[in-house]
Amino acid sequence: MRRSIGYDAQAKAAFHHEGQKAMRKLACALGLSRGSYSLRSNKGGIAVSGEVSLHGERIYVELSQSCMGPGREIMFRSVQGRKDYCGGANNWASVDELMEPGLLAARVLQTLRLDVAETV
């Protein structure tokens, strides 16, 4: 995901399809059960990647092609329920970390100071 997918409908479709699959794996690694989180895909306008978001009761994770450059494709933060769209401080991770959902989940939980059980 190093080249821009803006203005490339095929690349954007693949990004959203693969992003949703990866976020489901991350949800599992975080210990989230079906129904305890929302998975959304917002394709945005033609010039941007849009985002794929995982929104649980205590965790929010968003995947996008960040305008801040490589290494900041994943943003995660704590939230207080699925209607909390502001949450705690933003934290960043590379899309490469999403390839190892168990490791990314451990990092997210440690950074946000949560136990797996707290996310359910």
PDB file of N, CA and C in Angstrom:
ATOM      1  N   MET A   1       0.841  -1.188   0.000  1.00  0.00           N
ATOM      2  CA  MET A   1       0.000   0.000   0.000  1.00  0.00           C
ATOM      3  C   MET A   1       0.880   1.244   0.000  1.00  0.00           C
ATOM      4  N   ARG A   2       1.943   1.223  -0.714  1.00  0.00           N
ATOM      5  CA  ARG A   2       2.851   2.359  -0.725  1.00  0.00           C
ATOM      6  C   ARG A   2       2.490   3.403  -1.776  1.00  0.00           C
ATOM      7  N   ARG A   3       1.822   3.000  -2.853  1.00  0.00           N
ATOM      8  CA  ARG A   3       1.419   3.995  -3.850  1.00  0.00           C
ATOM      9  C   ARG A   3      -0.009   4.430  -3.553  1.00  0.00           C
ATOM     10  N   SER A   4      -0.326   5.625  -3.963  1.00  0.00           N
ATOM     11  CA  SER A   4      -1.653   6.175  -3.704  1.00  0.00           C
ATOM     12  C   SER A   4      -2.723   5.382  -4.443  1.00  0.00           C
ATOM     13  N   ILE A   5      -3.829   5.135  -3.765  1.00  0.00           N
ATOM     14  CA  ILE A   5      -4.938   4.450  -4.429  1.00  0.00           C
ATOM     15  C   ILE A   5      -6.042   5.423  -4.826  1.00  0.00           C
ATOM     16  N   GLY A   6      -5.825   6.707  -4.523  1.00  0.00           N
ATOM     17  CA  GLY A   6      -6.761   7.716  -5.006  1.00  0.00           C
ATOM     18  C   GLY A   6      -6.773   7.694  -6.529  1.00  0.00           C
ATOM     19  N   TYR A   7      -7.909   7.919  -7.121  1.00  0.00           N
ATOM     20  CA  TYR A   7      -8.102   7.933  -8.573  1.00  0.00           C
ATOM     21  C   TYR A   7      -7.911   6.560  -9.220  1.00  0.00           C
ATOM     22  N   ASP A   8      -7.902   5.495  -8.424  1.00  0.00           N
ATOM     23  CA  ASP A   8      -7.757   4.136  -8.951  1.00  0.00           C
ATOM     24  C   ASP A   8      -8.865   3.276  -8.338  1.00  0.00           C
ATOM     25  N   ALA A   9      -9.987   3.184  -9.033  1.00  0.00           N
ATOM     26  CA  ALA A   9     -11.173   2.494  -8.498  1.00  0.00           C
ATOM     27  C   ALA A   9     -10.898   1.028  -8.173  1.00  0.00           C
ATOM     28  N   GLN A  10     -10.105   0.361  -9.008  1.00  0.00           N
ATOM     29  CA  GLN A  10      -9.791  -1.049  -8.771  1.00  0.00           C
ATOM     30  C   GLN A  10      -8.956  -1.217  -7.507  1.00  0.00           C
ATOM     31  N   ALA A  11      -7.952  -0.373  -7.345  1.00  0.00           N
ATOM     32  CA  ALA A  11      -7.101  -0.442  -6.157  1.00  0.00           C
ATOM     33  C   ALA A  11      -7.905  -0.120  -4.900  1.00  0.00           C
ATOM     34  N   LYS A  12      -8.807   0.847  -4.993  1.00  0.00           N
ATOM     35  CA  LYS A  12      -9.630   1.211  -3.836  1.00  0.00           C
ATOM     36  C   LYS A  12     -10.549   0.056  -3.446  1.00  0.00           C
ATOM     37  N   ALA A  13     -11.154  -0.594  -4.427  1.00  0.00           N
ATOM     38  CA  ALA A  13     -12.029  -1.737  -4.140  1.00  0.00           C
ATOM     39  C   ALA A  13     -11.246  -2.850  -3.446  1.00  0.00           C
ATOM     40  N   ALA A  14     -10.035  -3.130  -3.935  1.00  0.00           N
ATOM     41  CA  ALA A  14      -9.191  -4.159  -3.318  1.00  0.00           C
ATOM     42  C   ALA A  14      -8.793  -3.755  -1.903  1.00  0.00           C
ATOM     43  N   PHE A  15      -8.444  -2.491  -1.711  1.00  0.00           N
ATOM     44  CA  PHE A  15      -8.075  -1.976  -0.390  1.00  0.00           C
ATOM     45  C   PHE A  15      -9.205  -2.204   0.610  1.00  0.00           C
ATOM     46  N   HIS A  16     -10.425  -1.883   0.224  1.00  0.00           N
ATOM     47  CA  HIS A  16     -11.562  -2.030   1.136  1.00  0.00           C
ATOM     48  C   HIS A  16     -11.910  -3.499   1.377  1.00  0.00           C
ATOM     49  N   HIS A  17     -11.829  -4.316   0.346  1.00  0.00           N
ATOM     50  CA  HIS A  17     -12.116  -5.745   0.499  1.00  0.00           C
ATOM     51  C   HIS A  17     -11.093  -6.401   1.427  1.00  0.00           C
ATOM     52  N   GLU A  18      -9.818  -6.200   1.124  1.00  0.00           N
ATOM     53  CA  GLU A  18      -8.754  -6.800   1.934  1.00  0.00           C
ATOM     54  C   GLU A  18      -8.698  -6.170   3.325  1.00  0.00           C
ATOM     55  N   GLY A  19      -8.974  -4.875   3.404  1.00  0.00           N
ATOM     56  CA  GLY A  19      -8.984  -4.190   4.697  1.00  0.00           C
ATOM     57  C   GLY A  19     -10.034  -4.750   5.633  1.00  0.00           C
ATOM     58  N   GLN A  20     -11.215  -5.050   5.106  1.00  0.00           N
ATOM     59  CA  GLN A  20     -12.270  -5.632   5.939  1.00  0.00           C
ATOM     60  C   GLN A  20     -11.887  -7.029   6.419  1.00  0.00           C
ATOM     61  N   LYS A  21     -11.273  -7.815   5.545  1.00  0.00           N
ATOM     62  CA  LYS A  21     -10.817  -9.151   5.953  1.00  0.00           C
ATOM     63  C   LYS A  21      -9.776  -9.048   7.063  1.00  0.00           C
ATOM     64  N   ALA A  22      -8.839  -8.134   6.902  1.00  0.00           N
ATOM     65  CA  ALA A  22      -7.782  -7.963   7.901  1.00  0.00           C
ATOM     66  C   ALA A  22      -8.351  -7.465   9.231  1.00  0.00           C
ATOM     67  N   MET A  23      -9.324  -6.573   9.167  1.00  0.00           N
ATOM     68  CA  MET A  23      -9.924  -6.049  10.402  1.00  0.00           C
ATOM     69  C   MET A  23     -10.732  -7.125  11.130  1.00  0.00           C
ATOM     70  N   ARG A  24     -11.352  -8.041  10.392  1.00  0.00           N
ATOM     71  CA  ARG A  24     -12.050  -9.157  11.049  1.00  0.00           C
ATOM     72  C   ARG A  24     -11.053 -10.029  11.809  1.00  0.00           C
ATOM     73  N   LYS A  25      -9.887 -10.267  11.201  1.00  0.00           N
ATOM     74  CA  LYS A  25      -8.843 -11.049  11.877  1.00  0.00           C
ATOM     75  C   LYS A  25      -8.341 -10.311  13.109  1.00  0.00           C
ATOM     76  N   LEU A  26      -8.201  -8.997  13.002  1.00  0.00           N
ATOM     77  CA  LEU A  26      -7.768  -8.209  14.153  1.00  0.00           C
ATOM     78  C   LEU A  26      -8.811  -8.274  15.265  1.00  0.00           C
ATOM     79  N   ALA A  27     -10.089  -8.177  14.911  1.00  0.00           N
ATOM     80  CA  ALA A  27     -11.161  -8.266  15.913  1.00  0.00           C
ATOM     81  C   ALA A  27     -11.070  -9.587  16.668  1.00  0.00           C
ATOM     82  N   CYS A  28     -10.829 -10.658  15.950  1.00  0.00           N
ATOM     83  CA  CYS A  28     -10.685 -11.974  16.574  1.00  0.00           C
ATOM     84  C   CYS A  28      -9.479 -11.988  17.511  1.00  0.00           C
ATOM     85  N   ALA A  29      -8.355 -11.445  17.052  1.00  0.00           N
ATOM     86  CA  ALA A  29      -7.141 -11.397  17.874  1.00  0.00           C
ATOM     87  C   ALA A  29      -7.333 -10.530  19.118  1.00  0.00           C
ATOM     88  N   LEU A  30      -8.199  -9.529  19.025  1.00  0.00           N
ATOM     89  CA  LEU A  30      -8.499  -8.671  20.173  1.00  0.00           C
ATOM     90  C   LEU A  30      -9.460  -9.338  21.151  1.00  0.00           C
ATOM     91  N   GLY A  31     -10.017 -10.472  20.759  1.00  0.00           N
ATOM     92  CA  GLY A  31     -10.966 -11.172  21.615  1.00  0.00           C
ATOM     93  C   GLY A  31     -12.392 -10.678  21.475  1.00  0.00           C
ATOM     94  N   LEU A  32     -12.672  -9.957  20.395  1.00  0.00           N
ATOM     95  CA  LEU A  32     -14.023  -9.432  20.178  1.00  0.00           C
ATOM     96  C   LEU A  32     -14.889 -10.500  19.512  1.00  0.00           C
ATOM     97  N   SER A  33     -16.079 -10.697  20.012  1.00  0.00           N
ATOM     98  CA  SER A  33     -16.995 -11.665  19.417  1.00  0.00           C
ATOM     99  C   SER A  33     -17.911 -10.956  18.428  1.00  0.00           C
ATOM    100  N   ARG A  34     -18.457 -11.723  17.495  1.00  0.00           N
ATOM    101  CA  ARG A  34     -19.410 -11.143  16.529  1.00  0.00           C
ATOM    102  C   ARG A  34     -20.527 -10.456  17.279  1.00  0.00           C
ATOM    103  N   GLY A  35     -20.909  -9.310  16.783  1.00  0.00           N
ATOM    104  CA  GLY A  35     -21.973  -8.548  17.416  1.00  0.00           C
ATOM    105  C   GLY A  35     -21.483  -7.580  18.475  1.00  0.00           C
ATOM    106  N   SER A  36     -20.211  -7.734  18.902  1.00  0.00           N
ATOM    107  CA  SER A  36     -19.673  -6.828  19.924  1.00  0.00           C
ATOM    108  C   SER A  36     -18.901  -5.667  19.305  1.00  0.00           C
ATOM    109  N   TYR A  37     -18.875  -5.623  17.978  1.00  0.00           N
ATOM    110  CA  TYR A  37     -18.184  -4.539  17.281  1.00  0.00           C
ATOM    111  C   TYR A  37     -18.871  -4.279  15.948  1.00  0.00           C
ATOM    112  N   SER A  38     -18.595  -3.115  15.393  1.00  0.00           N
ATOM    113  CA  SER A  38     -19.072  -2.755  14.057  1.00  0.00           C
ATOM    114  C   SER A  38     -17.871  -2.696  13.127  1.00  0.00           C
ATOM    115  N   LEU A  39     -18.052  -3.141  11.905  1.00  0.00           N
ATOM    116  CA  LEU A  39     -17.021  -3.042  10.876  1.00  0.00           C
ATOM    117  C   LEU A  39     -17.625  -2.225   9.744  1.00  0.00           C
ATOM    118  N   ARG A  40     -16.995  -1.088   9.455  1.00  0.00           N
ATOM    119  CA  ARG A  40     -17.533  -0.182   8.438  1.00  0.00           C
ATOM    120  C   ARG A  40     -16.476   0.125   7.382  1.00  0.00           C
ATOM    121  N   SER A  41     -16.967   0.388   6.179  1.00  0.00           N
ATOM    122  CA  SER A  41     -16.113   0.782   5.069  1.00  0.00           C
ATOM    123  C   SER A  41     -16.692   2.059   4.476  1.00  0.00           C
ATOM    124  N   ASN A  42     -15.900   3.114   4.491  1.00  0.00           N
ATOM    125  CA  ASN A  42     -16.298   4.394   3.895  1.00  0.00           C
ATOM    126  C   ASN A  42     -15.316   4.677   2.767  1.00  0.00           C
ATOM    127  N   LYS A  43     -15.769   4.579   1.549  1.00  0.00           N
ATOM    128  CA  LYS A  43     -14.861   4.722   0.406  1.00  0.00           C
ATOM    129  C   LYS A  43     -14.448   6.155   0.133  1.00  0.00           C
ATOM    130  N   GLY A  44     -15.121   7.125   0.710  1.00  0.00           N
ATOM    131  CA  GLY A  44     -14.727   8.517   0.529  1.00  0.00           C
ATOM    132  C   GLY A  44     -14.828   8.951  -0.928  1.00  0.00           C
ATOM    133  N   GLY A  45     -14.205  10.057  -1.241  1.00  0.00           N
ATOM    134  CA  GLY A  45     -14.220  10.595  -2.599  1.00  0.00           C
ATOM    135  C   GLY A  45     -13.183   9.937  -3.486  1.00  0.00           C
ATOM    136  N   ILE A  46     -13.155  10.355  -4.723  1.00  0.00           N
ATOM    137  CA  ILE A  46     -12.284   9.743  -5.728  1.00  0.00           C
ATOM    138  C   ILE A  46     -10.792   9.925  -5.417  1.00  0.00           C
ATOM    139  N   ALA A  47     -10.431  11.002  -4.748  1.00  0.00           N
ATOM    140  CA  ALA A  47      -9.022  11.330  -4.543  1.00  0.00           C
ATOM    141  C   ALA A  47      -8.400  10.667  -3.319  1.00  0.00           C
ATOM    142  N   VAL A  48      -9.199   9.982  -2.501  1.00  0.00           N
ATOM    143  CA  VAL A  48      -8.681   9.421  -1.248  1.00  0.00           C
ATOM    144  C   VAL A  48      -8.944   7.924  -1.167  1.00  0.00           C
ATOM    145  N   SER A  49      -8.274   7.276  -0.217  1.00  0.00           N
ATOM    146  CA  SER A  49      -8.467   5.840  -0.018  1.00  0.00           C
ATOM    147  C   SER A  49      -9.775   5.533   0.687  1.00  0.00           C
ATOM    148  N   GLY A  50     -10.270   6.482   1.463  1.00  0.00           N
ATOM    149  CA  GLY A  50     -11.376   6.175   2.360  1.00  0.00           C
ATOM    150  C   GLY A  50     -10.821   5.429   3.558  1.00  0.00           C
ATOM    151  N   GLU A  51     -11.705   4.828   4.363  1.00  0.00           N
ATOM    152  CA  GLU A  51     -11.221   4.116   5.534  1.00  0.00           C
ATOM    153  C   GLU A  51     -12.091   2.908   5.839  1.00  0.00           C
ATOM    154  N   VAL A  52     -11.464   1.951   6.492  1.00  0.00           N
ATOM    155  CA  VAL A  52     -12.143   0.778   7.027  1.00  0.00           C
ATOM    156  C   VAL A  52     -11.998   0.895   8.534  1.00  0.00           C
ATOM    157  N   SER A  53     -13.113   0.830   9.257  1.00  0.00           N
ATOM    158  CA  SER A  53     -13.035   1.020  10.704  1.00  0.00           C
ATOM    159  C   SER A  53     -13.662  -0.133  11.465  1.00  0.00           C
ATOM    160  N   LEU A  54     -13.031  -0.439  12.580  1.00  0.00           N
ATOM    161  CA  LEU A  54     -13.469  -1.444  13.539  1.00  0.00           C
ATOM    162  C   LEU A  54     -13.813  -0.685  14.807  1.00  0.00           C
ATOM    163  N   HIS A  55     -15.074  -0.770  15.243  1.00  0.00           N
ATOM    164  CA  HIS A  55     -15.525   0.029  16.389  1.00  0.00           C
ATOM    165  C   HIS A  55     -16.141  -0.903  17.420  1.00  0.00           C
ATOM    166  N   GLY A  56     -15.417  -1.119  18.507  1.00  0.00           N
ATOM    167  CA  GLY A  56     -15.910  -1.936  19.607  1.00  0.00           C
ATOM    168  C   GLY A  56     -16.388  -1.066  20.749  1.00  0.00           C
ATOM    169  N   GLU A  57     -16.690  -1.694  21.866  1.00  0.00           N
ATOM    170  CA  GLU A  57     -17.162  -0.954  23.039  1.00  0.00           C
ATOM    171  C   GLU A  57     -16.047  -0.153  23.702  1.00  0.00           C
ATOM    172  N   ARG A  58     -14.794  -0.631  23.589  1.00  0.00           N
ATOM    173  CA  ARG A  58     -13.665   0.048  24.233  1.00  0.00           C
ATOM    174  C   ARG A  58     -12.551   0.426  23.269  1.00  0.00           C
ATOM    175  N   ILE A  59     -12.638  -0.056  22.021  1.00  0.00           N
ATOM    176  CA  ILE A  59     -11.551   0.125  21.050  1.00  0.00           C
ATOM    177  C   ILE A  59     -12.096   0.604  19.707  1.00  0.00           C
ATOM    178  N   TYR A  60     -11.375   1.563  19.105  1.00  0.00           N
ATOM    179  CA  TYR A  60     -11.671   2.019  17.745  1.00  0.00           C
ATOM    180  C   TYR A  60     -10.376   1.905  16.948  1.00  0.00           C
ATOM    181  N   VAL A  61     -10.433   1.241  15.796  1.00  0.00           N
ATOM    182  CA  VAL A  61      -9.268   1.077  14.924  1.00  0.00           C
ATOM    183  C   VAL A  61      -9.689   1.478  13.516  1.00  0.00           C
ATOM    184  N   GLU A  62      -8.870   2.300  12.864  1.00  0.00           N
ATOM    185  CA  GLU A  62      -9.189   2.769  11.516  1.00  0.00           C
ATOM    186  C   GLU A  62      -7.998   2.548  10.599  1.00  0.00           C
ATOM    187  N   LEU A  63      -8.269   2.000   9.429  1.00  0.00           N
ATOM    188  CA  LEU A  63      -7.262   1.768   8.400  1.00  0.00           C
ATOM    189  C   LEU A  63      -7.530   2.713   7.244  1.00  0.00           C
ATOM    190  N   SER A  64      -6.520   3.477   6.854  1.00  0.00           N
ATOM    191  CA  SER A  64      -6.641   4.359   5.692  1.00  0.00           C
ATOM    192  C   SER A  64      -5.249   4.609   5.133  1.00  0.00           C
ATOM    193  N   GLN A  65      -5.206   5.185   3.958  1.00  0.00           N
ATOM    194  CA  GLN A  65      -3.924   5.590   3.402  1.00  0.00           C
ATOM    195  C   GLN A  65      -3.711   7.020   3.871  1.00  0.00           C
ATOM    196  N   SER A  66      -2.972   7.154   4.927  1.00  0.00           N
ATOM    197  CA  SER A  66      -2.825   8.429   5.616  1.00  0.00           C
ATOM    198  C   SER A  66      -2.092   9.475   4.786  1.00  0.00           C
ATOM    199  N   CYS A  67      -2.539  10.701   4.918  1.00  0.00           N
ATOM    200  CA  CYS A  67      -1.837  11.816   4.274  1.00  0.00           C
ATOM    201  C   CYS A  67      -0.563  12.157   5.042  1.00  0.00           C
ATOM    202  N   MET A  68      -0.374  11.521   6.207  1.00  0.00           N
ATOM    203  CA  MET A  68       0.818  11.773   7.019  1.00  0.00           C
ATOM    204  C   MET A  68       1.973  10.860   6.643  1.00  0.00           C
ATOM    205  N   GLY A  69       1.794  10.050   5.605  1.00  0.00           N
ATOM    206  CA  GLY A  69       2.883   9.235   5.103  1.00  0.00           C
ATOM    207  C   GLY A  69       2.894   7.822   5.644  1.00  0.00           C
ATOM    208  N   PRO A  70       3.835   7.017   5.145  1.00  0.00           N
ATOM    209  CA  PRO A  70       3.943   5.621   5.547  1.00  0.00           C
ATOM    210  C   PRO A  70       4.165   5.471   7.049  1.00  0.00           C
ATOM    211  N   GLY A  71       3.638   4.381   7.589  1.00  0.00           N
ATOM    212  CA  GLY A  71       3.802   4.107   9.012  1.00  0.00           C
ATOM    213  C   GLY A  71       2.665   4.631   9.863  1.00  0.00           C
ATOM    214  N   ARG A  72       1.710   5.310   9.244  1.00  0.00           N
ATOM    215  CA  ARG A  72       0.567   5.857   9.982  1.00  0.00           C
ATOM    216  C   ARG A  72      -0.755   5.481   9.310  1.00  0.00           C
ATOM    217  N   GLU A  73      -0.786   4.302   8.731  1.00  0.00           N
ATOM    218  CA  GLU A  73      -2.000   3.868   8.038  1.00  0.00           C
ATOM    219  C   GLU A  73      -3.077   3.375   9.002  1.00  0.00           C
ATOM    220  N   ILE A  74      -2.669   2.986  10.194  1.00  0.00           N
ATOM    221  CA  ILE A  74      -3.618   2.501  11.201  1.00  0.00           C
ATOM    222  C   ILE A  74      -3.643   3.482  12.356  1.00  0.00           C
ATOM    223  N   MET A  75      -4.834   3.932  12.687  1.00  0.00           N
ATOM    224  CA  MET A  75      -5.029   4.792  13.859  1.00  0.00           C
ATOM    225  C   MET A  75      -5.897   4.010  14.835  1.00  0.00           C
ATOM    226  N   PHE A  76      -5.507   4.001  16.106  1.00  0.00           N
ATOM    227  CA  PHE A  76      -6.330   3.334  17.109  1.00  0.00           C
ATOM    228  C   PHE A  76      -6.393   4.181  18.368  1.00  0.00           C
ATOM    229  N   ARG A  77      -7.510   4.031  19.085  1.00  0.00           N
ATOM    230  CA  ARG A  77      -7.709   4.781  20.326  1.00  0.00           C
ATOM    231  C   ARG A  77      -8.763   4.081  21.173  1.00  0.00           C
ATOM    232  N   SER A  78      -8.826   4.475  22.417  1.00  0.00           N
ATOM    233  CA  SER A  78      -9.859   3.952  23.308  1.00  0.00           C
ATOM    234  C   SER A  78     -11.151   4.720  23.070  1.00  0.00           C
ATOM    235  N   VAL A  79     -12.273   4.065  23.317  1.00  0.00           N
ATOM    236  CA  VAL A  79     -13.588   4.703  23.235  1.00  0.00           C
ATOM    237  C   VAL A  79     -14.435   4.204  24.403  1.00  0.00           C
ATOM    238  N   GLN A  80     -15.511   4.897  24.646  1.00  0.00           N
ATOM    239  CA  GLN A  80     -16.469   4.504  25.680  1.00  0.00           C
ATOM    240  C   GLN A  80     -17.789   4.156  24.999  1.00  0.00           C
ATOM    241  N   GLY A  81     -17.808   3.057  24.286  1.00  0.00           N
ATOM    242  CA  GLY A  81     -19.003   2.604  23.589  1.00  0.00           C
ATOM    243  C   GLY A  81     -18.956   2.898  22.101  1.00  0.00           C
ATOM    244  N   ARG A  82     -19.883   2.293  21.387  1.00  0.00           N
ATOM    245  CA  ARG A  82     -19.894   2.415  19.929  1.00  0.00           C
ATOM    246  C   ARG A  82     -20.527   3.701  19.426  1.00  0.00           C
ATOM    247  N   LYS A  83     -20.970   4.546  20.316  1.00  0.00           N
ATOM    248  CA  LYS A  83     -21.467   5.868  19.905  1.00  0.00           C
ATOM    249  C   LYS A  83     -20.434   6.954  20.209  1.00  0.00           C
ATOM    250  N   ASP A  84     -19.270   6.542  20.712  1.00  0.00           N
ATOM    251  CA  ASP A  84     -18.175   7.472  21.002  1.00  0.00           C
ATOM    252  C   ASP A  84     -17.307   7.565  19.750  1.00  0.00           C
ATOM    253  N   TYR A  85     -17.350   8.711  19.091  1.00  0.00           N
ATOM    254  CA  TYR A  85     -16.587   8.897  17.856  1.00  0.00           C
ATOM    255  C   TYR A  85     -15.355   9.776  18.062  1.00  0.00           C
ATOM    256  N   CYS A  86     -15.090  10.185  19.290  1.00  0.00           N
ATOM    257  CA  CYS A  86     -13.917  11.015  19.602  1.00  0.00           C
ATOM    258  C   CYS A  86     -12.881  10.207  20.366  1.00  0.00           C
ATOM    259  N   GLY A  87     -13.295   9.603  21.462  1.00  0.00           N
ATOM    260  CA  GLY A  87     -12.434   8.713  22.224  1.00  0.00           C
ATOM    261  C   GLY A  87     -11.200   9.358  22.805  1.00  0.00           C
ATOM    262  N   GLY A  88     -10.240   8.493  23.142  1.00  0.00           N
ATOM    263  CA  GLY A  88      -8.985   8.930  23.733  1.00  0.00           C
ATOM    264  C   GLY A  88      -8.013   9.421  22.670  1.00  0.00           C
ATOM    265  N   ALA A  89      -6.767   9.535  23.077  1.00  0.00           N
ATOM    266  CA  ALA A  89      -5.713  10.030  22.182  1.00  0.00           C
ATOM    267  C   ALA A  89      -5.488   9.055  21.023  1.00  0.00           C
ATOM    268  N   ASN A  90      -5.195   9.604  19.852  1.00  0.00           N
ATOM    269  CA  ASN A  90      -4.885   8.788  18.680  1.00  0.00           C
ATOM    270  C   ASN A  90      -3.504   8.171  18.821  1.00  0.00           C
ATOM    271  N   ASN A  91      -3.383   6.926  18.413  1.00  0.00           N
ATOM    272  CA  ASN A  91      -2.122   6.196  18.363  1.00  0.00           C
ATOM    273  C   ASN A  91      -1.988   5.661  16.943  1.00  0.00           C
ATOM    274  N   TRP A  92      -0.755   5.467  16.487  1.00  0.00           N
ATOM    275  CA  TRP A  92      -0.530   5.120  15.084  1.00  0.00           C
ATOM    276  C   TRP A  92       0.266   3.834  14.945  1.00  0.00           C
ATOM    277  N   ALA A  93      -0.009   3.127  13.865  1.00  0.00           N
ATOM    278  CA  ALA A  93       0.726   1.911  13.528  1.00  0.00           C
ATOM    279  C   ALA A  93       0.837   1.818  12.007  1.00  0.00           C
ATOM    280  N   SER A  94       1.774   1.025  11.575  1.00  0.00           N
ATOM    281  CA  SER A  94       1.979   0.795  10.145  1.00  0.00           C
ATOM    282  C   SER A  94       1.029  -0.293   9.649  1.00  0.00           C
ATOM    283  N   VAL A  95       0.635  -0.192   8.400  1.00  0.00           N
ATOM    284  CA  VAL A  95      -0.200  -1.228   7.796  1.00  0.00           C
ATOM    285  C   VAL A  95       0.514  -2.576   7.836  1.00  0.00           C
ATOM    286  N   ASP A  96       1.842  -2.564   7.838  1.00  0.00           N
ATOM    287  CA  ASP A  96       2.605  -3.808   7.912  1.00  0.00           C
ATOM    288  C   ASP A  96       2.263  -4.588   9.178  1.00  0.00           C
ATOM    289  N   GLU A  97       1.956  -3.879  10.261  1.00  0.00           N
ATOM    290  CA  GLU A  97       1.621  -4.535  11.526  1.00  0.00           C
ATOM    291  C   GLU A  97       0.299  -5.289  11.442  1.00  0.00           C
ATOM    292  N   LEU A  98      -0.568  -4.895  10.531  1.00  0.00           N
ATOM    293  CA  LEU A  98      -1.858  -5.558  10.366  1.00  0.00           C
ATOM    294  C   LEU A  98      -1.694  -6.962   9.784  1.00  0.00           C
ATOM    295  N   MET A  99      -0.535  -7.238   9.182  1.00  0.00           N
ATOM    296  CA  MET A  99      -0.273  -8.563   8.627  1.00  0.00           C
ATOM    297  C   MET A  99      -0.078  -9.602   9.730  1.00  0.00           C
ATOM    298  N   GLU A 100       0.206  -9.136  10.945  1.00  0.00           N
ATOM    299  CA  GLU A 100       0.354 -10.007  12.120  1.00  0.00           C
ATOM    300  C   GLU A 100      -0.685  -9.571  13.148  1.00  0.00           C
ATOM    301  N   PRO A 101      -1.960  -9.971  12.972  1.00  0.00           N
ATOM    302  CA  PRO A 101      -3.021  -9.454  13.835  1.00  0.00           C
ATOM    303  C   PRO A 101      -2.808  -9.718  15.323  1.00  0.00           C
ATOM    304  N   GLY A 102      -2.203 -10.835  15.670  1.00  0.00           N
ATOM    305  CA  GLY A 102      -1.947 -11.125  17.080  1.00  0.00           C
ATOM    306  C   GLY A 102      -0.990 -10.126  17.705  1.00  0.00           C
ATOM    307  N   LEU A 103       0.066  -9.789  16.969  1.00  0.00           N
ATOM    308  CA  LEU A 103       1.042  -8.821  17.477  1.00  0.00           C
ATOM    309  C   LEU A 103       0.449  -7.422  17.547  1.00  0.00           C
ATOM    310  N   LEU A 104      -0.314  -7.043  16.521  1.00  0.00           N
ATOM    311  CA  LEU A 104      -0.946  -5.725  16.544  1.00  0.00           C
ATOM    312  C   LEU A 104      -1.961  -5.650  17.678  1.00  0.00           C
ATOM    313  N   ALA A 105      -2.738  -6.708  17.872  1.00  0.00           N
ATOM    314  CA  ALA A 105      -3.721  -6.727  18.962  1.00  0.00           C
ATOM    315  C   ALA A 105      -3.030  -6.545  20.310  1.00  0.00           C
ATOM    316  N   ALA A 106      -1.917  -7.242  20.514  1.00  0.00           N
ATOM    317  CA  ALA A 106      -1.180  -7.110  21.776  1.00  0.00           C
ATOM    318  C   ALA A 106      -0.693  -5.678  21.962  1.00  0.00           C
ATOM    319  N   ARG A 107      -0.201  -5.074  20.901  1.00  0.00           N
ATOM    320  CA  ARG A 107       0.269  -3.686  20.986  1.00  0.00           C
ATOM    321  C   ARG A 107      -0.878  -2.732  21.305  1.00  0.00           C
ATOM    322  N   VAL A 108      -2.012  -2.909  20.625  1.00  0.00           N
ATOM    323  CA  VAL A 108      -3.176  -2.053  20.860  1.00  0.00           C
ATOM    324  C   VAL A 108      -3.625  -2.170  22.315  1.00  0.00           C
ATOM    325  N   LEU A 109      -3.773  -3.405  22.790  1.00  0.00           N
ATOM    326  CA  LEU A 109      -4.230  -3.615  24.167  1.00  0.00           C
ATOM    327  C   LEU A 109      -3.251  -3.038  25.182  1.00  0.00           C
ATOM    328  N   GLN A 110      -1.955  -3.224  24.932  1.00  0.00           N
ATOM    329  CA  GLN A 110      -0.948  -2.689  25.852  1.00  0.00           C
ATOM    330  C   GLN A 110      -0.960  -1.165  25.841  1.00  0.00           C
ATOM    331  N   THR A 111      -0.985  -0.568  24.668  1.00  0.00           N
ATOM    332  CA  THR A 111      -0.971   0.891  24.557  1.00  0.00           C
ATOM    333  C   THR A 111      -2.198   1.509  25.214  1.00  0.00           C
ATOM    334  N   LEU A 112      -3.355   0.876  25.017  1.00  0.00           N
ATOM    335  CA  LEU A 112      -4.601   1.407  25.575  1.00  0.00           C
ATOM    336  C   LEU A 112      -4.852   0.933  27.006  1.00  0.00           C
ATOM    337  N   ARG A 113      -3.935   0.095  27.505  1.00  0.00           N
ATOM    338  CA  ARG A 113      -4.025  -0.435  28.876  1.00  0.00           C
ATOM    339  C   ARG A 113      -5.341  -1.163  29.119  1.00  0.00           C
ATOM    340  N   LEU A 114      -5.635  -2.080  28.215  1.00  0.00           N
ATOM    341  CA  LEU A 114      -6.851  -2.884  28.304  1.00  0.00           C
ATOM    342  C   LEU A 114      -6.490  -4.359  28.379  1.00  0.00           C
ATOM    343  N   ASP A 115      -7.331  -5.135  29.047  1.00  0.00           N
ATOM    344  CA  ASP A 115      -7.255  -6.588  28.997  1.00  0.00           C
ATOM    345  C   ASP A 115      -8.200  -7.044  27.901  1.00  0.00           C
ATOM    346  N   VAL A 116      -7.968  -8.212  27.354  1.00  0.00           N
ATOM    347  CA  VAL A 116      -8.861  -8.725  26.317  1.00  0.00           C
ATOM    348  C   VAL A 116     -10.294  -8.717  26.825  1.00  0.00           C
ATOM    349  N   ALA A 117     -10.507  -9.162  28.052  1.00  0.00           N
ATOM    350  CA  ALA A 117     -11.864  -9.251  28.607  1.00  0.00           C
ATOM    351  C   ALA A 117     -12.556  -7.894  28.666  1.00  0.00           C
ATOM    352  N   GLU A 118     -11.785  -6.825  28.788  1.00  0.00           N
ATOM    353  CA  GLU A 118     -12.382  -5.490  28.873  1.00  0.00           C
ATOM    354  C   GLU A 118     -12.955  -5.020  27.542  1.00  0.00           C
ATOM    355  N   THR A 119     -12.544  -5.629  26.457  1.00  0.00           N
ATOM    356  CA  THR A 119     -12.992  -5.167  25.146  1.00  0.00           C
ATOM    357  C   THR A 119     -14.361  -5.719  24.781  1.00  0.00           C
ATOM    358  N   VAL A 120     -14.792  -6.761  25.465  1.00  0.00           N
ATOM    359  CA  VAL A 120     -16.068  -7.417  25.135  1.00  0.00           C
ATOM    360  C   VAL A 120     -17.223  -6.677  25.755  1.00  0.00           C
TER     361      VAL A 120
END
